[in-house]
Structure formats: C-alpha cells, structure tokens
Amino acid sequence: MDNRVLSSSYPASLGRSGKGRTKPPSQGPNETPRYSGAARARRKFQRIFPGGFGDETYIAWERDYKWQAHERWMEQLDKASYRKLLEREAFAEIAARAVAIEARTNLIFSFEKMALRDAVRPRAGAQAFAHALYDFLYGRGAMPAKFDRWCEAVAHLPRKQTRVLTWPIVTVFGFIAQPDRHFFVKPNVTRAAGHDYGFPLQYKSRPDWQSYASILDFADQVATDIAALRPRDMIDLQSFIWVQGSAEYAA
C-alpha cells in the first residue's frame, strides 16, 4: 500500500459531520451527479492527470509536497510533542516549527508568510498562536466553536501592515496537520471551482465557521461524486478542486 495514504477510501475516514454540518446525501454509482459541473470537473481532472490520484505527474505536482509537510508536522508537532512544548512554555519554538513547516510549501502567498512570521515574532504573539492552534487541532469541544476561536485568535495577533486573518492562513495548519479532516482554502480558486461545479457555497470574506462548513460540504460532495477515483484525503480533494478553479490549469 502507498505509504502516503491516510485511508483506503476518503469517505471511510470522514468523521467530520456533526454540529453545524450537513453531509450531502449518498448517491448510487449509476445516478446522475446532483450538480451540473460534476461530470465536467472529473473530465478536466482526468484530462490533465489520466491516472487520476495515482498519476505520477499528479503526485509530483500536487500531492507529494503537501504530504511531506504533513509528515514533518507529525514528526515535530504531533499532539504529544506539542503538549510537551506548551508545558515548557516554548511558545516561540512551537511557532517557529509551524511556520518553518508551512514555509517549505507554496500554499500561502509570500506576503502572508511574512505577515505570519511578523505576527508570531513577539512573545505575546507566539504565545497566543501556540495556545489557539493547539486548541483548534487537539482541544476538546465542537469544531464550530474551536474554528471560530482560532479565527478570533489569528485576528488579534500582532500585525505590521498585512493582515493575518486570511482564509489561507487560518486553514493551512489544519490542512497540514490533519489532512483527513481539514481543507485548505484559497478563496478565489475555491469560489471559482464551486461556481463552475454548480455548488452553492455560503462564503464570507472574513473567515468563520459557517463559511468553512459550507466549503467542507463542497469537499464532501466532490468526494461523493468522484468516489470511483478513490480520493484518499483532503489533499486529493483540495487538489481536485484546485485544478478546477486555478488559472494554472485553465483549459
């Protein structure tokens, strides 16, 4: 088995439906997709990557670097390691590790990377970031409240010029740490993909749970529609959606 796979089938690994979420209804293999752009989206993806999620080019271009970031996270900031760092009040170390792991990807823009580094450089910023991110990823409680607390914490981080409360910043660490459940949101691309797919995204420019839940519902619907391609996790679903909305893959 491919050691990059979190589970043999994405839907089996879900476990995210719950308060504040509505899962799309199941669909039989011979039924017409509920959304007008579903078949077109699949054709586009397979035109670019004929081997689907096992295509060598797909793995090289889209999957490998995201999975490698996840592996680095699990080596450095898994729950036990993160907890020990918090107990030592090693807030700067937590922030430095998280930022360094993300920095080796091209997921967020360079100006967002700089804004994030600036925000966690002061001790107060690193402390707020470290506690809020742990609560979001590993804390107890319902995800809607945890996500909104995380967004509020990011909103109040120190800033110089560029704001840090952006969709890419608030979703990138969940995506890297827990790609079985969290989606990375590039708002323009995700909205364009949703529009072409015919999915009614409920989106606000200021990150909040209601919008994030709608985006997760979109990812769930895509997982249902392309189940035959066997998406493994949110890395595959985010990549599929990226292909639909990004200018990099414009037809």
Protein backbone atom coordinates (compact mmCIF):
# COMPACT_ATOMS: atom_id res chain seq x y z
CA MET A 1 0.00 0.00 0.00
CA ASP A 2 1.13 3.55 -0.77
CA ASN A 3 2.58 4.87 2.49
CA ARG A 4 1.22 8.31 1.64
CA VAL A 5 -2.37 7.17 2.03
CA LEU A 6 -4.24 8.02 5.22
CA SER A 7 -7.01 5.55 4.47
CA SER A 8 -8.03 3.31 1.62
CA SER A 9 -11.12 5.40 0.95
CA TYR A 10 -11.73 9.05 1.82
CA PRO A 11 -15.38 8.68 2.85
CA ALA A 12 -14.44 5.97 5.36
CA SER A 13 -12.04 8.39 7.07
CA LEU A 14 -14.50 11.25 7.29
CA GLY A 15 -15.78 11.57 10.86
CA ARG A 16 -16.29 15.33 10.47
CA SER A 17 -20.04 15.56 10.13
CA GLY A 18 -21.70 16.82 13.27
CA LYS A 19 -22.92 20.02 14.76
CA GLY A 20 -23.09 22.73 12.16
CA ARG A 21 -22.60 20.39 9.20
CA THR A 22 -24.92 18.73 6.73
CA LYS A 23 -23.45 15.84 4.80
CA PRO A 24 -24.52 15.52 1.16
CA PRO A 25 -26.91 12.63 0.56
CA SER A 26 -25.39 9.41 -0.70
CA GLN A 27 -25.56 8.76 -4.42
CA GLY A 28 -25.65 5.47 -6.28
CA PRO A 29 -22.90 4.67 -8.79
CA ASN A 30 -25.27 4.94 -11.77
CA GLU A 31 -27.06 8.11 -10.73
CA THR A 32 -26.57 11.42 -12.50
CA PRO A 33 -24.50 13.81 -10.31
CA ARG A 34 -26.60 16.34 -8.44
CA TYR A 35 -24.54 19.29 -9.66
CA SER A 36 -24.27 20.44 -13.24
CA GLY A 37 -20.49 20.78 -13.34
CA ALA A 38 -19.58 17.50 -11.63
CA ALA A 39 -19.01 15.40 -14.75
CA ARG A 40 -17.16 18.23 -16.48
CA ALA A 41 -14.88 18.66 -13.44
CA ARG A 42 -13.98 15.00 -13.45
CA ARG A 43 -13.26 15.03 -17.19
CA LYS A 44 -10.98 18.04 -16.76
CA PHE A 45 -9.06 16.43 -13.92
CA GLN A 46 -8.56 13.19 -15.82
CA ARG A 47 -7.58 15.02 -18.98
CA ILE A 48 -4.72 16.62 -17.05
CA PHE A 49 -3.96 13.57 -14.91
CA PRO A 50 -5.09 10.45 -16.83
CA GLY A 51 -4.01 8.20 -13.98
CA GLY A 52 -6.21 10.04 -11.51
CA PHE A 53 -4.87 10.34 -7.98
CA GLY A 54 -2.24 7.71 -8.73
CA ASP A 55 -0.90 9.60 -11.74
CA GLU A 56 2.85 10.17 -11.40
CA THR A 57 2.55 13.77 -12.58
CA TYR A 58 -0.29 14.43 -10.15
CA ILE A 59 1.77 13.04 -7.27
CA ALA A 60 4.79 15.14 -8.29
CA TRP A 61 2.89 18.37 -8.90
CA GLU A 62 0.14 18.30 -6.30
CA ARG A 63 0.39 15.59 -3.65
CA ASP A 64 3.95 14.89 -2.61
CA TYR A 65 4.93 18.25 -1.14
CA LYS A 66 1.66 18.51 0.80
CA TRP A 67 2.06 15.02 2.22
CA GLN A 68 5.69 15.69 3.09
CA ALA A 69 4.58 18.77 5.05
CA HIS A 70 2.12 16.56 6.95
CA GLU A 71 4.88 14.06 7.74
CA ARG A 72 7.12 16.85 9.05
CA TRP A 73 4.23 18.07 11.20
CA MET A 74 3.72 14.62 12.70
CA GLU A 75 7.43 14.39 13.46
CA GLN A 76 7.63 17.79 15.14
CA LEU A 77 4.16 18.89 16.31
CA ASP A 78 2.03 15.81 16.88
CA LYS A 79 -0.26 16.11 19.91
CA ALA A 80 2.20 14.70 22.44
CA SER A 81 5.17 16.76 21.25
CA TYR A 82 3.05 19.91 21.02
CA ARG A 83 1.71 19.38 24.55
CA LYS A 84 5.21 18.99 25.98
CA LEU A 85 6.32 22.22 24.30
CA LEU A 86 3.31 24.03 25.74
CA GLU A 87 4.10 22.72 29.22
CA ARG A 88 7.63 24.14 28.85
CA GLU A 89 6.12 27.43 27.64
CA ALA A 90 8.19 27.02 24.48
CA PHE A 91 5.81 29.23 22.53
CA ALA A 92 8.46 30.62 20.19
CA GLU A 93 9.61 27.09 19.37
CA ILE A 94 6.06 25.98 18.53
CA ALA A 95 5.53 29.00 16.29
CA ALA A 96 8.91 28.58 14.64
CA ARG A 97 8.27 24.91 13.88
CA ALA A 98 4.80 25.56 12.48
CA VAL A 99 5.95 28.45 10.32
CA ALA A 100 9.01 26.54 9.07
CA ILE A 101 6.92 23.53 8.06
CA GLU A 102 4.50 25.71 6.12
CA ALA A 103 7.32 27.76 4.60
CA ARG A 104 8.58 24.72 2.67
CA THR A 105 5.30 24.61 0.74
CA ASN A 106 3.85 27.04 -1.78
CA LEU A 107 0.42 27.01 -0.17
CA ILE A 108 0.21 30.61 1.02
CA PHE A 109 1.47 33.76 -0.67
CA SER A 110 4.84 35.23 0.25
CA PHE A 111 3.26 38.33 1.78
CA GLU A 112 1.12 36.11 4.01
CA LYS A 113 4.20 34.13 5.06
CA MET A 114 5.92 37.38 6.04
CA ALA A 115 2.86 38.67 7.89
CA LEU A 116 2.62 35.42 9.84
CA ARG A 117 6.31 35.47 10.77
CA ASP A 118 5.96 39.05 11.97
CA ALA A 119 2.84 38.20 13.99
CA VAL A 120 4.47 35.38 15.96
CA ARG A 121 7.86 37.05 16.47
CA PRO A 122 6.84 38.87 19.72
CA ARG A 123 6.44 36.56 22.72
CA ALA A 124 2.80 37.58 23.13
CA GLY A 125 2.07 36.72 19.52
CA ALA A 126 3.82 33.35 19.74
CA GLN A 127 2.01 32.50 22.98
CA ALA A 128 -1.42 33.39 21.59
CA PHE A 129 -0.70 31.48 18.38
CA ALA A 130 0.59 28.38 20.18
CA HIS A 131 -2.34 28.08 22.57
CA ALA A 132 -5.01 28.82 19.96
CA LEU A 133 -3.60 26.41 17.39
CA TYR A 134 -3.36 23.59 19.95
CA ASP A 135 -6.98 24.20 20.96
CA PHE A 136 -8.06 24.13 17.30
CA LEU A 137 -6.18 20.96 16.40
CA TYR A 138 -6.16 18.95 19.60
CA GLY A 139 -8.52 20.57 22.07
CA ARG A 140 -11.83 19.24 23.26
CA GLY A 141 -15.20 20.53 22.15
CA ALA A 142 -17.19 21.02 19.00
CA MET A 143 -15.39 22.06 15.84
CA PRO A 144 -17.62 25.11 15.10
CA ALA A 145 -16.62 26.79 18.35
CA LYS A 146 -12.97 25.73 18.03
CA PHE A 147 -12.71 27.07 14.49
CA ASP A 148 -14.26 30.42 15.41
CA ARG A 149 -11.95 30.74 18.45
CA TRP A 150 -8.98 30.03 16.20
CA CYS A 151 -10.09 32.72 13.75
CA GLU A 152 -10.51 35.24 16.56
CA ALA A 153 -7.05 34.44 17.92
CA VAL A 154 -5.48 34.93 14.49
CA ALA A 155 -7.39 38.20 14.08
CA HIS A 156 -5.81 39.55 17.27
CA LEU A 157 -2.21 38.56 16.52
CA PRO A 158 0.21 41.49 16.29
CA ARG A 159 0.42 42.94 12.80
CA LYS A 160 2.55 45.46 10.99
CA GLN A 161 0.92 46.12 7.64
CA THR A 162 -0.56 43.00 6.10
CA ARG A 163 -3.46 41.40 7.95
CA VAL A 164 -3.07 37.82 9.09
CA LEU A 165 -6.75 36.91 9.25
CA THR A 166 -6.97 35.40 5.77
CA TRP A 167 -8.53 32.16 4.63
CA PRO A 168 -5.18 30.65 3.61
CA ILE A 169 -3.56 31.41 6.98
CA VAL A 170 -6.44 30.14 9.14
CA THR A 171 -6.80 26.89 7.14
CA VAL A 172 -3.24 25.96 6.20
CA PHE A 173 -2.19 24.46 9.55
CA GLY A 174 -5.28 22.31 9.92
CA PHE A 175 -4.76 21.05 6.39
CA ILE A 176 -1.10 20.19 7.02
CA ALA A 177 -1.67 18.65 10.46
CA GLN A 178 -4.93 16.80 9.81
CA PRO A 179 -5.49 16.24 6.08
CA ASP A 180 -8.10 13.62 6.89
CA ARG A 181 -10.48 16.35 8.04
CA HIS A 182 -9.35 19.90 7.21
CA PHE A 183 -9.44 21.69 3.88
CA PHE A 184 -7.04 24.38 2.70
CA VAL A 185 -8.96 27.38 1.37
CA LYS A 186 -7.68 29.62 -1.38
CA PRO A 187 -10.82 31.74 -1.60
CA ASN A 188 -10.78 32.87 -5.23
CA VAL A 189 -9.93 29.43 -6.57
CA THR A 190 -12.39 27.65 -4.27
CA ARG A 191 -15.20 30.03 -5.18
CA ALA A 192 -14.45 29.73 -8.90
CA ALA A 193 -14.47 25.94 -8.61
CA GLY A 194 -17.73 25.98 -6.67
CA HIS A 195 -19.32 28.24 -9.25
CA ASP A 196 -18.27 26.02 -12.16
CA TYR A 197 -19.39 22.94 -10.26
CA GLY A 198 -22.78 24.48 -9.53
CA PHE A 199 -22.35 24.11 -5.76
CA PRO A 200 -23.99 26.90 -3.70
CA LEU A 201 -21.10 27.90 -1.45
CA GLN A 202 -22.01 30.08 1.51
CA TYR A 203 -18.93 32.28 1.62
CA LYS A 204 -17.85 35.33 3.60
CA SER A 205 -14.54 37.09 3.09
CA ARG A 206 -13.92 37.13 6.85
CA PRO A 207 -13.22 33.55 7.92
CA ASP A 208 -15.89 31.96 10.11
CA TRP A 209 -17.29 28.51 10.78
CA GLN A 210 -20.44 28.95 8.68
CA SER A 211 -18.38 29.60 5.55
CA TYR A 212 -15.84 26.89 6.40
CA ALA A 213 -18.62 24.36 6.98
CA SER A 214 -20.02 25.16 3.54
CA ILE A 215 -16.59 24.61 1.98
CA LEU A 216 -16.27 21.29 3.81
CA ASP A 217 -19.70 20.34 2.47
CA PHE A 218 -18.44 21.13 -1.03
CA ALA A 219 -15.43 18.87 -0.48
CA ASP A 220 -17.74 16.12 0.84
CA GLN A 221 -19.93 16.43 -2.24
CA VAL A 222 -16.92 16.19 -4.54
CA ALA A 223 -15.76 13.11 -2.60
CA THR A 224 -19.16 11.53 -3.23
CA ASP A 225 -19.16 12.41 -6.92
CA ILE A 226 -15.65 11.12 -7.61
CA ALA A 227 -15.71 8.14 -5.25
CA ALA A 228 -14.70 5.85 -8.12
CA LEU A 229 -11.37 7.72 -8.32
CA ARG A 230 -10.77 6.84 -4.64
CA PRO A 231 -9.63 10.18 -3.18
CA ARG A 232 -7.57 9.41 -0.08
CA ASP A 233 -7.97 12.54 1.97
CA MET A 234 -8.37 16.31 1.78
CA ILE A 235 -5.08 16.60 -0.06
CA ASP A 236 -6.64 14.82 -3.03
CA LEU A 237 -9.91 16.73 -2.73
CA GLN A 238 -8.20 20.11 -2.37
CA SER A 239 -6.02 19.29 -5.37
CA PHE A 240 -9.04 18.24 -7.44
CA ILE A 241 -10.83 21.48 -6.58
CA TRP A 242 -7.65 23.49 -7.20
CA VAL A 243 -7.43 22.05 -10.71
CA GLN A 244 -10.99 23.26 -11.39
CA GLY A 245 -10.56 26.86 -10.24
CA SER A 246 -6.90 27.72 -10.72
CA ALA A 247 -5.57 29.67 -13.68
CA GLU A 248 -2.64 27.24 -13.68
CA TYR A 249 -4.95 24.61 -15.11
CA ALA A 250 -7.15 26.81 -17.26
CA ALA A 251 -8.36 24.94 -20.33
